[in-house]
Amino acid sequence: MTADLGPTVLSILLGIALAAACGFRVFLPLFIAALFTRYDVGGIGLNESFAWMGEWPAVIALGVATVVELLAYYIPFVDHALDVAAVPLSTVAGAIIALGSFVDLPPYAAWGLAIVAGGGLAGLVSAGTATTRVASTTTTAGLGNPVLATAETGGAVGLSLLAWFLPLVAGVFLLLLVVLAVRRLARGKG
């Protein structure tokens, strides 16, 4: 079913979905992509110029960064500091992983799509999680934040795996989320 779409479309869906996953956790989707690249796990994969992500130094660095990030979200006040840093970092990470996923696109199209769609979606997701954390802190005095952190980590893992193995499904899922978010925003302004 997905083979009929062609490698370019599937690579775009992979890149954008991995970018969105970076909005939940900056390093976890990058680490998953690095591991899958290292062990040549099925799916579409990264383009040749990003093969370095599968090398041991990148895998180890991304693994350490992932563990630190995951643990830090369970420490009160540190989670808020991470949210401040995560929005710009996830935007950059989303653009990078999107760019690394795109195949058979001219450089200007790949860069433009990576920055606008990849970075933009990652930044939006990250801003949404940061806003949700503020609401959680306000309403639960921070007691709900570990539950939120666990859900965000699950979102990053789930979306990364979906992107890697079923990019078409991940793309449809993200499109539905964007439509729901736009409708919600439109209702709030009306």
N, C-alpha and C. Protein backbone atom coordinates (compact mmCIF):
# COMPACT_ATOMS: atom_id res chain seq x y z
N MET A 1 0.82 -1.20 0.00
CA MET A 1 0.00 0.00 0.00
C MET A 1 0.86 1.26 0.00
N THR A 2 1.85 1.32 0.90
CA THR A 2 2.68 2.52 0.96
C THR A 2 3.69 2.58 -0.17
N ALA A 3 4.01 1.44 -0.79
CA ALA A 3 4.98 1.45 -1.88
C ALA A 3 4.46 2.23 -3.08
N ASP A 4 3.13 2.30 -3.24
CA ASP A 4 2.55 3.02 -4.36
C ASP A 4 2.75 4.53 -4.25
N LEU A 5 3.01 5.04 -3.08
CA LEU A 5 3.17 6.48 -2.89
C LEU A 5 4.51 6.99 -3.38
N GLY A 6 5.48 6.15 -3.44
CA GLY A 6 6.79 6.58 -3.88
C GLY A 6 7.66 7.01 -2.72
N PRO A 7 8.96 6.84 -2.90
CA PRO A 7 9.88 7.13 -1.81
C PRO A 7 9.91 8.60 -1.39
N THR A 8 9.69 9.52 -2.31
CA THR A 8 9.75 10.93 -1.95
C THR A 8 8.62 11.32 -1.02
N VAL A 9 7.40 10.92 -1.36
CA VAL A 9 6.25 11.25 -0.51
C VAL A 9 6.38 10.57 0.85
N LEU A 10 6.78 9.32 0.86
CA LEU A 10 6.94 8.61 2.13
C LEU A 10 8.04 9.24 2.98
N SER A 11 9.12 9.68 2.34
CA SER A 11 10.20 10.32 3.09
C SER A 11 9.74 11.65 3.69
N ILE A 12 8.88 12.37 2.97
CA ILE A 12 8.35 13.62 3.50
C ILE A 12 7.46 13.33 4.71
N LEU A 13 6.61 12.33 4.59
CA LEU A 13 5.74 11.96 5.72
C LEU A 13 6.57 11.51 6.92
N LEU A 14 7.61 10.72 6.67
CA LEU A 14 8.51 10.29 7.74
C LEU A 14 9.14 11.49 8.42
N GLY A 15 9.69 12.39 7.63
CA GLY A 15 10.39 13.55 8.18
C GLY A 15 9.49 14.45 8.99
N ILE A 16 8.30 14.71 8.49
CA ILE A 16 7.38 15.61 9.19
C ILE A 16 6.87 14.96 10.47
N ALA A 17 6.59 13.66 10.43
CA ALA A 17 6.13 12.98 11.64
C ALA A 17 7.23 12.89 12.69
N LEU A 18 8.46 12.60 12.28
CA LEU A 18 9.57 12.59 13.24
C LEU A 18 9.78 13.99 13.82
N ALA A 19 9.63 15.00 12.98
CA ALA A 19 9.76 16.38 13.46
C ALA A 19 8.70 16.68 14.51
N ALA A 20 7.47 16.28 14.26
CA ALA A 20 6.40 16.50 15.24
C ALA A 20 6.71 15.78 16.54
N ALA A 21 7.28 14.59 16.45
CA ALA A 21 7.66 13.85 17.65
C ALA A 21 8.73 14.60 18.45
N CYS A 22 9.59 15.35 17.75
CA CYS A 22 10.58 16.17 18.44
C CYS A 22 9.92 17.27 19.27
N GLY A 23 8.69 17.60 18.96
CA GLY A 23 7.95 18.57 19.76
C GLY A 23 7.58 18.03 21.12
N PHE A 24 7.47 16.71 21.25
CA PHE A 24 7.19 16.09 22.54
C PHE A 24 8.48 15.93 23.36
N ARG A 25 9.51 15.43 22.72
CA ARG A 25 10.83 15.26 23.33
C ARG A 25 11.85 15.56 22.25
N VAL A 26 12.79 16.41 22.55
CA VAL A 26 13.75 16.86 21.55
C VAL A 26 14.63 15.71 21.06
N PHE A 27 15.19 14.95 21.98
CA PHE A 27 16.21 13.98 21.60
C PHE A 27 15.69 12.57 21.33
N LEU A 28 14.57 12.19 21.90
CA LEU A 28 14.08 10.82 21.76
C LEU A 28 13.83 10.41 20.31
N PRO A 29 13.14 11.20 19.50
CA PRO A 29 12.97 10.80 18.09
C PRO A 29 14.29 10.72 17.33
N LEU A 30 15.22 11.61 17.66
CA LEU A 30 16.54 11.56 17.03
C LEU A 30 17.28 10.28 17.43
N PHE A 31 17.16 9.90 18.70
CA PHE A 31 17.80 8.67 19.19
C PHE A 31 17.20 7.44 18.52
N ILE A 32 15.87 7.42 18.40
CA ILE A 32 15.21 6.29 17.73
C ILE A 32 15.67 6.21 16.28
N ALA A 33 15.72 7.34 15.59
CA ALA A 33 16.19 7.35 14.20
C ALA A 33 17.64 6.89 14.12
N ALA A 34 18.47 7.31 15.08
CA ALA A 34 19.87 6.89 15.09
C ALA A 34 20.00 5.38 15.30
N LEU A 35 19.23 4.84 16.25
CA LEU A 35 19.27 3.39 16.48
C LEU A 35 18.79 2.62 15.26
N PHE A 36 17.69 3.06 14.69
CA PHE A 36 17.15 2.35 13.54
C PHE A 36 18.08 2.46 12.34
N THR A 37 18.78 3.57 12.22
CA THR A 37 19.76 3.73 11.15
C THR A 37 20.96 2.82 11.42
N ARG A 38 21.39 2.79 12.66
CA ARG A 38 22.54 1.95 13.04
C ARG A 38 22.29 0.48 12.72
N TYR A 39 21.10 0.01 13.07
CA TYR A 39 20.79 -1.41 12.91
C TYR A 39 19.97 -1.71 11.66
N ASP A 40 19.85 -0.72 10.78
CA ASP A 40 19.17 -0.87 9.50
C ASP A 40 17.79 -1.51 9.68
N VAL A 41 17.04 -0.95 10.63
CA VAL A 41 15.69 -1.43 10.90
C VAL A 41 14.79 -0.96 9.78
N GLY A 42 13.87 -1.80 9.37
CA GLY A 42 12.96 -1.52 8.27
C GLY A 42 12.35 -0.13 8.30
N GLY A 43 11.56 0.14 7.34
CA GLY A 43 11.01 1.48 7.20
C GLY A 43 11.75 2.20 6.10
N ILE A 44 11.55 3.46 6.01
CA ILE A 44 12.12 4.24 4.92
C ILE A 44 13.57 4.61 5.23
N GLY A 45 13.78 5.17 6.38
CA GLY A 45 15.12 5.52 6.80
C GLY A 45 15.53 6.93 6.42
N LEU A 46 16.72 7.27 6.85
CA LEU A 46 17.27 8.60 6.59
C LEU A 46 18.01 8.59 5.27
N ASN A 47 18.18 9.79 4.70
CA ASN A 47 18.90 9.85 3.43
C ASN A 47 20.40 9.64 3.68
N GLU A 48 21.12 9.41 2.60
CA GLU A 48 22.54 9.06 2.69
C GLU A 48 23.38 10.09 3.43
N SER A 49 23.05 11.36 3.29
CA SER A 49 23.86 12.39 3.93
C SER A 49 23.68 12.41 5.45
N PHE A 50 22.72 11.66 5.96
CA PHE A 50 22.52 11.58 7.40
C PHE A 50 22.88 10.20 7.96
N ALA A 51 23.66 9.45 7.20
CA ALA A 51 24.11 8.13 7.66
C ALA A 51 24.95 8.24 8.93
N TRP A 52 25.56 9.41 9.16
CA TRP A 52 26.37 9.64 10.36
C TRP A 52 25.55 9.42 11.64
N MET A 53 24.23 9.58 11.56
CA MET A 53 23.41 9.38 12.76
C MET A 53 23.45 7.94 13.24
N GLY A 54 23.77 7.02 12.36
CA GLY A 54 23.87 5.62 12.74
C GLY A 54 25.23 5.21 13.26
N GLU A 55 26.18 6.13 13.28
CA GLU A 55 27.51 5.83 13.80
C GLU A 55 27.48 5.87 15.34
N TRP A 56 28.35 5.07 15.96
CA TRP A 56 28.33 4.95 17.42
C TRP A 56 28.44 6.27 18.18
N PRO A 57 29.30 7.19 17.79
CA PRO A 57 29.35 8.45 18.55
C PRO A 57 28.01 9.18 18.59
N ALA A 58 27.31 9.21 17.47
CA ALA A 58 26.00 9.89 17.43
C ALA A 58 24.97 9.11 18.23
N VAL A 59 24.97 7.79 18.10
CA VAL A 59 24.01 6.97 18.85
C VAL A 59 24.22 7.16 20.35
N ILE A 60 25.47 7.13 20.79
CA ILE A 60 25.76 7.27 22.22
C ILE A 60 25.40 8.68 22.70
N ALA A 61 25.80 9.68 21.96
CA ALA A 61 25.49 11.06 22.37
C ALA A 61 23.99 11.29 22.45
N LEU A 62 23.26 10.84 21.45
CA LEU A 62 21.81 11.01 21.46
C LEU A 62 21.15 10.16 22.55
N GLY A 63 21.71 9.00 22.83
CA GLY A 63 21.19 8.16 23.91
C GLY A 63 21.36 8.82 25.26
N VAL A 64 22.53 9.37 25.52
CA VAL A 64 22.77 10.07 26.79
C VAL A 64 21.86 11.30 26.90
N ALA A 65 21.78 12.06 25.84
CA ALA A 65 20.91 13.25 25.85
C ALA A 65 19.46 12.87 26.09
N THR A 66 19.03 11.76 25.52
CA THR A 66 17.65 11.28 25.70
C THR A 66 17.40 10.91 27.16
N VAL A 67 18.30 10.16 27.76
CA VAL A 67 18.12 9.75 29.16
C VAL A 67 18.08 10.96 30.08
N VAL A 68 18.99 11.90 29.87
CA VAL A 68 19.01 13.13 30.69
C VAL A 68 17.71 13.90 30.52
N GLU A 69 17.28 14.06 29.28
CA GLU A 69 16.04 14.80 29.03
C GLU A 69 14.83 14.11 29.67
N LEU A 70 14.73 12.80 29.51
CA LEU A 70 13.59 12.07 30.08
C LEU A 70 13.55 12.19 31.60
N LEU A 71 14.69 12.02 32.24
CA LEU A 71 14.74 12.11 33.70
C LEU A 71 14.47 13.53 34.19
N ALA A 72 14.97 14.51 33.48
CA ALA A 72 14.82 15.91 33.91
C ALA A 72 13.37 16.35 33.92
N TYR A 73 12.55 15.77 33.06
CA TYR A 73 11.14 16.17 33.04
C TYR A 73 10.38 15.69 34.28
N TYR A 74 10.99 14.88 35.11
CA TYR A 74 10.35 14.43 36.35
C TYR A 74 10.81 15.22 37.57
N ILE A 75 11.64 16.23 37.34
CA ILE A 75 12.14 17.06 38.44
C ILE A 75 11.39 18.39 38.42
N PRO A 76 10.68 18.70 39.52
CA PRO A 76 9.93 19.97 39.56
C PRO A 76 10.85 21.17 39.28
N PHE A 77 10.33 22.14 38.62
CA PHE A 77 11.00 23.38 38.21
C PHE A 77 11.97 23.14 37.05
N VAL A 78 12.66 22.02 37.05
CA VAL A 78 13.54 21.71 35.93
C VAL A 78 12.69 21.47 34.68
N ASP A 79 11.52 20.84 34.89
CA ASP A 79 10.65 20.60 33.75
C ASP A 79 10.23 21.91 33.07
N HIS A 80 10.01 22.94 33.87
CA HIS A 80 9.65 24.23 33.28
C HIS A 80 10.83 24.87 32.55
N ALA A 81 12.01 24.75 33.12
CA ALA A 81 13.20 25.27 32.45
C ALA A 81 13.43 24.55 31.12
N LEU A 82 13.19 23.25 31.13
CA LEU A 82 13.32 22.50 29.88
C LEU A 82 12.31 22.96 28.84
N ASP A 83 11.10 23.26 29.28
CA ASP A 83 10.09 23.75 28.34
C ASP A 83 10.52 25.04 27.68
N VAL A 84 11.16 25.91 28.43
CA VAL A 84 11.65 27.17 27.86
C VAL A 84 12.68 26.89 26.77
N ALA A 85 13.58 25.96 27.04
CA ALA A 85 14.62 25.62 26.07
C ALA A 85 14.10 24.71 24.96
N ALA A 86 13.08 23.92 25.27
CA ALA A 86 12.62 22.90 24.32
C ALA A 86 11.96 23.48 23.08
N VAL A 87 11.27 24.60 23.20
CA VAL A 87 10.58 25.13 22.02
C VAL A 87 11.59 25.46 20.91
N PRO A 88 12.61 26.27 21.17
CA PRO A 88 13.56 26.51 20.07
C PRO A 88 14.38 25.27 19.70
N LEU A 89 14.75 24.47 20.69
CA LEU A 89 15.54 23.27 20.39
C LEU A 89 14.75 22.27 19.56
N SER A 90 13.49 22.08 19.91
CA SER A 90 12.68 21.13 19.15
C SER A 90 12.44 21.62 17.73
N THR A 91 12.35 22.93 17.56
CA THR A 91 12.18 23.49 16.22
C THR A 91 13.41 23.16 15.36
N VAL A 92 14.59 23.33 15.93
CA VAL A 92 15.82 23.00 15.20
C VAL A 92 15.92 21.50 14.97
N ALA A 93 15.66 20.71 16.02
CA ALA A 93 15.73 19.25 15.88
C ALA A 93 14.72 18.76 14.84
N GLY A 94 13.52 19.33 14.86
CA GLY A 94 12.51 18.93 13.88
C GLY A 94 12.93 19.24 12.46
N ALA A 95 13.52 20.40 12.26
CA ALA A 95 14.00 20.76 10.91
C ALA A 95 15.13 19.83 10.48
N ILE A 96 16.03 19.51 11.41
CA ILE A 96 17.16 18.64 11.07
C ILE A 96 16.71 17.23 10.71
N ILE A 97 15.84 16.66 11.54
CA ILE A 97 15.42 15.27 11.28
C ILE A 97 14.56 15.21 10.03
N ALA A 98 13.77 16.25 9.78
CA ALA A 98 12.98 16.27 8.55
C ALA A 98 13.92 16.32 7.34
N LEU A 99 14.89 17.20 7.38
CA LEU A 99 15.85 17.31 6.28
C LEU A 99 16.58 15.99 6.06
N GLY A 100 16.92 15.32 7.15
CA GLY A 100 17.62 14.04 7.06
C GLY A 100 16.77 12.92 6.50
N SER A 101 15.47 13.11 6.50
CA SER A 101 14.56 12.07 6.01
C SER A 101 14.19 12.23 4.55
N PHE A 102 14.24 13.44 4.05
CA PHE A 102 13.77 13.70 2.69
C PHE A 102 14.72 13.12 1.65
N VAL A 103 14.14 12.42 0.67
CA VAL A 103 14.92 11.89 -0.45
C VAL A 103 14.36 12.44 -1.75
N ASP A 104 15.23 12.56 -2.72
CA ASP A 104 14.86 12.97 -4.08
C ASP A 104 14.17 14.33 -4.15
N LEU A 105 14.54 15.24 -3.27
CA LEU A 105 14.03 16.60 -3.35
C LEU A 105 15.20 17.53 -3.67
N PRO A 106 14.98 18.53 -4.49
CA PRO A 106 16.04 19.50 -4.72
C PRO A 106 16.38 20.20 -3.39
N PRO A 107 17.61 20.62 -3.21
CA PRO A 107 18.01 21.21 -1.93
C PRO A 107 17.13 22.36 -1.46
N TYR A 108 16.74 23.27 -2.36
CA TYR A 108 15.91 24.40 -1.94
C TYR A 108 14.55 23.92 -1.43
N ALA A 109 13.98 22.89 -2.05
CA ALA A 109 12.69 22.36 -1.61
C ALA A 109 12.85 21.61 -0.29
N ALA A 110 13.92 20.84 -0.18
CA ALA A 110 14.16 20.08 1.05
C ALA A 110 14.36 21.01 2.24
N TRP A 111 15.20 22.02 2.07
CA TRP A 111 15.45 22.96 3.16
C TRP A 111 14.19 23.75 3.53
N GLY A 112 13.48 24.22 2.52
CA GLY A 112 12.26 24.98 2.78
C GLY A 112 11.22 24.16 3.51
N LEU A 113 11.00 22.93 3.05
CA LEU A 113 10.02 22.05 3.69
C LEU A 113 10.48 21.66 5.09
N ALA A 114 11.76 21.42 5.25
CA ALA A 114 12.29 21.04 6.57
C ALA A 114 12.09 22.17 7.58
N ILE A 115 12.39 23.39 7.16
CA ILE A 115 12.28 24.52 8.08
C ILE A 115 10.82 24.84 8.38
N VAL A 116 10.00 24.94 7.34
CA VAL A 116 8.62 25.36 7.53
C VAL A 116 7.77 24.25 8.14
N ALA A 117 7.76 23.08 7.51
CA ALA A 117 6.90 22.00 7.98
C ALA A 117 7.52 21.26 9.17
N GLY A 118 8.77 20.86 9.03
CA GLY A 118 9.42 20.11 10.11
C GLY A 118 9.63 20.94 11.35
N GLY A 119 10.36 22.04 11.19
CA GLY A 119 10.63 22.91 12.34
C GLY A 119 9.36 23.55 12.88
N GLY A 120 8.49 23.98 11.97
CA GLY A 120 7.25 24.63 12.39
C GLY A 120 6.36 23.70 13.20
N LEU A 121 6.19 22.48 12.74
CA LEU A 121 5.33 21.53 13.45
C LEU A 121 5.96 21.12 14.79
N ALA A 122 7.26 20.92 14.80
CA ALA A 122 7.93 20.59 16.06
C ALA A 122 7.77 21.72 17.07
N GLY A 123 7.95 22.95 16.62
CA GLY A 123 7.78 24.11 17.51
C GLY A 123 6.36 24.24 18.02
N LEU A 124 5.38 24.01 17.16
CA LEU A 124 3.98 24.07 17.58
C LEU A 124 3.65 23.02 18.62
N VAL A 125 4.10 21.79 18.39
CA VAL A 125 3.84 20.72 19.35
C VAL A 125 4.52 21.05 20.67
N SER A 126 5.76 21.51 20.61
CA SER A 126 6.49 21.85 21.83
C SER A 126 5.83 22.99 22.59
N ALA A 127 5.38 24.00 21.87
CA ALA A 127 4.68 25.12 22.53
C ALA A 127 3.39 24.63 23.17
N GLY A 128 2.72 23.71 22.50
CA GLY A 128 1.49 23.13 23.07
C GLY A 128 1.74 22.34 24.34
N THR A 129 2.82 21.56 24.35
CA THR A 129 3.13 20.80 25.57
C THR A 129 3.57 21.72 26.69
N ALA A 130 4.29 22.79 26.35
CA ALA A 130 4.71 23.75 27.39
C ALA A 130 3.49 24.45 27.99
N THR A 131 2.55 24.81 27.15
CA THR A 131 1.32 25.45 27.62
C THR A 131 0.52 24.49 28.50
N THR A 132 0.47 23.25 28.10
CA THR A 132 -0.24 22.23 28.89
C THR A 132 0.43 22.04 30.24
N ARG A 133 1.77 22.08 30.27
CA ARG A 133 2.48 21.92 31.53
C ARG A 133 2.19 23.09 32.48
N VAL A 134 2.11 24.29 31.94
CA VAL A 134 1.76 25.45 32.77
C VAL A 134 0.37 25.26 33.37
N ALA A 135 -0.57 24.80 32.55
CA ALA A 135 -1.94 24.55 33.05
C ALA A 135 -1.93 23.46 34.09
N SER A 136 -1.14 22.43 33.88
CA SER A 136 -1.05 21.33 34.85
C SER A 136 -0.46 21.82 36.16
N THR A 137 0.57 22.63 36.08
CA THR A 137 1.20 23.16 37.29
C THR A 137 0.22 24.04 38.04
N THR A 138 -0.52 24.85 37.32
CA THR A 138 -1.47 25.77 37.94
C THR A 138 -2.61 25.02 38.61
N THR A 139 -3.14 24.01 37.94
CA THR A 139 -4.33 23.32 38.46
C THR A 139 -4.01 22.20 39.44
N THR A 140 -2.81 21.63 39.36
CA THR A 140 -2.48 20.50 40.24
C THR A 140 -1.30 20.79 41.16
N ALA A 141 -0.84 22.02 41.18
CA ALA A 141 0.33 22.41 41.96
C ALA A 141 1.55 21.58 41.57
N GLY A 142 1.60 21.17 40.32
CA GLY A 142 2.73 20.41 39.81
C GLY A 142 2.63 18.91 40.00
N LEU A 143 1.62 18.45 40.74
CA LEU A 143 1.50 17.01 40.99
C LEU A 143 1.12 16.23 39.73
N GLY A 144 0.48 16.89 38.78
CA GLY A 144 0.11 16.23 37.53
C GLY A 144 1.21 16.23 36.49
N ASN A 145 2.27 16.96 36.74
CA ASN A 145 3.34 17.08 35.74
C ASN A 145 4.04 15.76 35.41
N PRO A 146 4.29 14.87 36.39
CA PRO A 146 4.90 13.58 36.01
C PRO A 146 4.00 12.75 35.09
N VAL A 147 2.70 12.83 35.29
CA VAL A 147 1.77 12.12 34.41
C VAL A 147 1.86 12.71 33.00
N LEU A 148 1.90 14.03 32.95
CA LEU A 148 2.03 14.72 31.67
C LEU A 148 3.36 14.37 31.00
N ALA A 149 4.43 14.33 31.77
CA ALA A 149 5.75 13.98 31.22
C ALA A 149 5.74 12.57 30.63
N THR A 150 5.08 11.66 31.32
CA THR A 150 4.99 10.28 30.83
C THR A 150 4.18 10.22 29.53
N ALA A 151 3.08 10.97 29.48
CA ALA A 151 2.25 10.99 28.27
C ALA A 151 3.03 11.59 27.10
N GLU A 152 3.78 12.65 27.35
CA GLU A 152 4.58 13.27 26.28
C GLU A 152 5.64 12.32 25.77
N THR A 153 6.29 11.60 26.67
CA THR A 153 7.30 10.62 26.26
C THR A 153 6.65 9.52 25.43
N GLY A 154 5.49 9.07 25.87
CA GLY A 154 4.75 8.07 25.10
C GLY A 154 4.38 8.59 23.72
N GLY A 155 3.99 9.87 23.65
CA GLY A 155 3.68 10.47 22.36
C GLY A 155 4.89 10.51 21.44
N ALA A 156 6.05 10.84 22.01
CA ALA A 156 7.27 10.88 21.21
C ALA A 156 7.65 9.50 20.69
N VAL A 157 7.57 8.50 21.56
CA VAL A 157 7.90 7.13 21.15
C VAL A 157 6.89 6.64 20.11
N GLY A 158 5.61 6.78 20.43
CA GLY A 158 4.57 6.28 19.54
C GLY A 158 4.61 6.92 18.17
N LEU A 159 4.74 8.24 18.14
CA LEU A 159 4.77 8.94 16.86
C LEU A 159 6.05 8.62 16.08
N SER A 160 7.15 8.46 16.78
CA SER A 160 8.41 8.10 16.10
C SER A 160 8.31 6.72 15.46
N LEU A 161 7.76 5.76 16.18
CA LEU A 161 7.61 4.40 15.64
C LEU A 161 6.60 4.38 14.49
N LEU A 162 5.51 5.10 14.67
CA LEU A 162 4.51 5.19 13.61
C LEU A 162 5.12 5.82 12.35
N ALA A 163 5.89 6.88 12.55
CA ALA A 163 6.54 7.56 11.42
C ALA A 163 7.49 6.60 10.69
N TRP A 164 8.25 5.85 11.44
CA TRP A 164 9.28 4.99 10.85
C TRP A 164 8.67 3.82 10.09
N PHE A 165 7.63 3.20 10.67
CA PHE A 165 7.08 1.98 10.08
C PHE A 165 5.82 2.21 9.24
N LEU A 166 5.03 3.22 9.59
CA LEU A 166 3.79 3.51 8.87
C LEU A 166 3.67 5.02 8.63
N PRO A 167 4.52 5.55 7.77
CA PRO A 167 4.54 7.01 7.59
C PRO A 167 3.23 7.58 7.05
N LEU A 168 2.51 6.82 6.24
CA LEU A 168 1.23 7.30 5.73
C LEU A 168 0.23 7.47 6.87
N VAL A 169 0.18 6.50 7.76
CA VAL A 169 -0.72 6.58 8.92
C VAL A 169 -0.31 7.75 9.81
N ALA A 170 0.98 7.92 10.01
CA ALA A 170 1.47 9.04 10.82
C ALA A 170 1.08 10.37 10.18
N GLY A 171 1.20 10.47 8.87
CA GLY A 171 0.84 11.70 8.17
C GLY A 171 -0.64 12.01 8.30
N VAL A 172 -1.51 11.00 8.16
CA VAL A 172 -2.95 11.20 8.31
C VAL A 172 -3.27 11.61 9.74
N PHE A 173 -2.63 10.97 10.71
CA PHE A 173 -2.83 11.30 12.12
C PHE A 173 -2.46 12.76 12.40
N LEU A 174 -1.33 13.19 11.88
CA LEU A 174 -0.90 14.59 12.08
C LEU A 174 -1.84 15.57 11.39
N LEU A 175 -2.30 15.22 10.21
CA LEU A 175 -3.25 16.08 9.51
C LEU A 175 -4.53 16.25 10.32
N LEU A 176 -5.03 15.16 10.89
CA LEU A 176 -6.23 15.24 11.73
C LEU A 176 -5.98 16.11 12.97
N LEU A 177 -4.82 15.97 13.57
CA LEU A 177 -4.49 16.79 14.74
C LEU A 177 -4.44 18.27 14.38
N VAL A 178 -3.86 18.58 13.24
CA VAL A 178 -3.77 19.98 12.82
C VAL A 178 -5.18 20.54 12.56
N VAL A 179 -6.02 19.76 11.90
CA VAL A 179 -7.39 20.20 11.63
C VAL A 179 -8.14 20.44 12.94
N LEU A 180 -8.01 19.51 13.89
CA LEU A 180 -8.67 19.69 15.19
C LEU A 180 -8.15 20.92 15.92
N ALA A 181 -6.85 21.15 15.86
CA ALA A 181 -6.26 22.32 16.53
C ALA A 181 -6.76 23.62 15.90
N VAL A 182 -6.82 23.65 14.57
CA VAL A 182 -7.30 24.85 13.89
C VAL A 182 -8.76 25.11 14.23
N ARG A 183 -9.56 24.06 14.25
CA ARG A 183 -10.99 24.23 14.62
C ARG A 183 -11.12 24.74 16.05
N ARG A 184 -10.30 24.20 16.93
CA ARG A 184 -10.37 24.63 18.33
C ARG A 184 -9.98 26.10 18.46
N LEU A 185 -8.94 26.49 17.76
CA LEU A 185 -8.52 27.89 17.79
C LEU A 185 -9.59 28.80 17.18
N ALA A 186 -10.21 28.34 16.12
CA ALA A 186 -11.25 29.15 15.46
C ALA A 186 -12.45 29.34 16.39
N ARG A 187 -12.82 28.30 17.13
CA ARG A 187 -13.92 28.42 18.09
C ARG A 187 -13.59 29.37 19.23
N GLY A 188 -12.33 29.35 19.64
CA GLY A 188 -11.90 30.22 20.73
C GLY A 188 -11.92 31.70 20.36
N LYS A 189 -11.74 32.00 19.09
CA LYS A 189 -11.72 33.39 18.64
C LYS A 189 -13.11 33.90 18.29
N GLY A 190 -14.03 32.97 18.05
CA GLY A 190 -15.37 33.38 17.60
C GLY A 190 -16.30 33.75 18.64
